[in-house]
Amino acid sequence: MNSLLPTIQALEVELHHPGVPCGAVRLEQLLHRDFSEVGRSGREYDRATVLRFLGEQHTSPPVVSSDFSVYELAAGVALLTYRSAHRQQNGGLENHTLRSSLWMQVDGHWQLRYHQGTPAAEAW
């Protein structure tokens, strides 16, 4: 197992708000100053928009994520890939998504530089 996987996976999942939403200070620490995202909708989002959106979340979204893999692209640069879905109230899953995140080490701390969600062709 790649030794980076537990660290990067935990940081990524922290952004899913399992249990307790991230506070504004923690979100600022996790998102790189040049962060950007292309959501599963195909829309582009900048850091300010994502900080505002995540900061407004008061309950944990029903995100189910699995099949995490990490690839060290260079020293201090890691690509995380995984899949996610949202759990419906009836227990089923919807919005199956393939995800990629580019994490960079800045001043000894990992920060999310780029994220992309792509609708999955098949549900799991």
Protein backbone atom coordinates (compact mmCIF):
# COMPACT_ATOMS: atom_id res chain seq x y z
CA MET A 1 0.00 0.00 0.00
CA ASN A 2 1.25 3.43 -0.85
CA SER A 3 2.26 5.23 2.38
CA LEU A 4 0.65 8.47 1.11
CA LEU A 5 -2.79 6.91 0.70
CA PRO A 6 -4.00 7.08 4.33
CA THR A 7 -2.92 10.72 4.67
CA ILE A 8 -4.31 12.02 1.39
CA GLN A 9 -7.49 9.95 1.65
CA ALA A 10 -8.19 11.28 5.16
CA LEU A 11 -7.75 14.88 3.97
CA GLU A 12 -10.06 14.34 1.00
CA VAL A 13 -12.73 12.67 3.13
CA GLU A 14 -12.48 15.52 5.64
CA LEU A 15 -13.89 17.74 2.89
CA HIS A 16 -16.94 15.42 2.73
CA HIS A 17 -17.78 16.57 6.29
CA PRO A 18 -18.11 13.15 7.93
CA GLY A 19 -19.60 13.89 11.34
CA VAL A 20 -18.56 17.53 11.81
CA PRO A 21 -18.40 20.19 9.10
CA CYS A 22 -15.01 21.79 8.47
CA GLY A 23 -14.67 25.22 9.96
CA ALA A 24 -13.62 28.20 7.85
CA VAL A 25 -10.05 28.12 9.19
CA ARG A 26 -9.65 24.43 8.38
CA LEU A 27 -11.09 24.90 4.89
CA GLU A 28 -8.62 27.73 4.27
CA GLN A 29 -5.81 25.35 5.29
CA LEU A 30 -7.00 22.51 3.05
CA LEU A 31 -7.63 24.44 -0.18
CA HIS A 32 -4.60 25.77 -2.03
CA ARG A 33 -4.69 29.53 -2.77
CA ASP A 34 -4.98 28.68 -6.51
CA PHE A 35 -7.58 25.92 -6.00
CA SER A 36 -10.10 25.27 -8.77
CA GLU A 37 -12.64 22.58 -9.48
CA VAL A 38 -14.66 21.19 -12.35
CA GLY A 39 -17.74 19.64 -10.80
CA ARG A 40 -19.67 16.64 -12.04
CA SER A 41 -22.06 19.21 -13.54
CA GLY A 42 -19.30 20.40 -15.88
CA ARG A 43 -19.25 23.79 -14.16
CA GLU A 44 -16.01 25.41 -13.04
CA TYR A 45 -15.65 26.68 -9.47
CA ASP A 46 -13.00 28.90 -7.92
CA ARG A 47 -11.64 28.77 -4.38
CA ALA A 48 -13.90 31.52 -3.02
CA THR A 49 -17.04 29.80 -4.32
CA VAL A 50 -16.05 26.41 -2.87
CA LEU A 51 -15.03 27.93 0.47
CA ARG A 52 -18.40 29.67 0.69
CA PHE A 53 -20.34 26.55 -0.32
CA LEU A 54 -18.54 24.20 2.07
CA GLY A 55 -18.70 26.75 4.87
CA GLU A 56 -22.48 26.92 4.54
CA GLN A 57 -22.95 23.16 4.97
CA HIS A 58 -24.41 22.47 8.41
CA THR A 59 -25.05 18.76 8.03
CA SER A 60 -22.95 15.99 6.58
CA PRO A 61 -23.86 15.23 2.98
CA PRO A 62 -24.61 11.54 2.45
CA VAL A 63 -21.38 10.89 0.53
CA VAL A 64 -20.23 7.32 0.09
CA SER A 65 -16.69 7.05 -1.30
CA SER A 66 -14.51 4.06 -2.15
CA ASP A 67 -11.73 2.63 -4.30
CA PHE A 68 -9.15 5.26 -3.37
CA SER A 69 -5.78 5.19 -5.14
CA VAL A 70 -2.94 7.65 -4.90
CA TYR A 71 -0.10 8.26 -7.34
CA GLU A 72 2.94 10.32 -6.38
CA LEU A 73 3.57 12.40 -9.49
CA ALA A 74 6.61 14.19 -8.05
CA ALA A 75 7.96 15.00 -4.61
CA GLY A 76 5.13 16.76 -2.80
CA VAL A 77 2.59 16.23 -5.59
CA ALA A 78 -0.03 13.48 -5.42
CA LEU A 79 -2.99 12.50 -7.59
CA LEU A 80 -5.86 10.89 -5.70
CA THR A 81 -8.56 9.03 -7.62
CA TYR A 82 -11.72 7.45 -6.22
CA ARG A 83 -15.41 7.04 -6.81
CA SER A 84 -18.31 8.48 -4.88
CA ALA A 85 -22.09 8.52 -4.75
CA HIS A 86 -24.80 10.08 -2.61
CA ARG A 87 -26.86 7.85 -0.34
CA GLN A 88 -30.59 8.35 -0.78
CA GLN A 89 -33.01 8.24 2.16
CA ASN A 90 -34.16 4.78 1.03
CA GLY A 91 -30.55 3.53 1.19
CA GLY A 92 -29.95 3.47 -2.56
CA LEU A 93 -27.13 5.36 -4.24
CA GLU A 94 -27.33 8.14 -6.83
CA ASN A 95 -24.99 10.59 -8.57
CA HIS A 96 -22.25 8.02 -9.14
CA THR A 97 -19.10 9.99 -9.83
CA LEU A 98 -15.47 9.32 -10.72
CA ARG A 99 -13.23 11.79 -8.89
CA SER A 100 -9.65 13.04 -9.20
CA SER A 101 -7.86 15.39 -6.83
CA LEU A 102 -4.42 16.94 -7.16
CA TRP A 103 -2.80 17.48 -3.75
CA MET A 104 0.38 19.52 -3.23
CA GLN A 105 2.61 19.90 -0.22
CA VAL A 106 3.01 23.56 0.70
CA ASP A 107 5.16 24.50 3.69
CA GLY A 108 4.99 20.92 4.94
CA HIS A 109 1.18 20.66 4.70
CA TRP A 110 -0.94 19.01 2.03
CA GLN A 111 -3.38 21.24 0.16
CA LEU A 112 -5.94 20.47 -2.50
CA ARG A 113 -4.93 22.28 -5.70
CA TYR A 114 -7.46 20.88 -8.19
CA HIS A 115 -10.51 18.61 -8.11
CA GLN A 116 -12.66 17.12 -10.85
CA GLY A 117 -15.82 15.04 -10.70
CA THR A 118 -17.03 13.17 -13.78
CA PRO A 119 -20.40 11.41 -13.95
CA ALA A 120 -19.82 7.65 -14.01
CA ALA A 121 -21.07 5.74 -17.04
CA GLU A 122 -22.23 2.91 -14.77
CA ALA A 123 -23.54 2.75 -11.22
CA TRP A 124 -21.91 0.51 -8.62
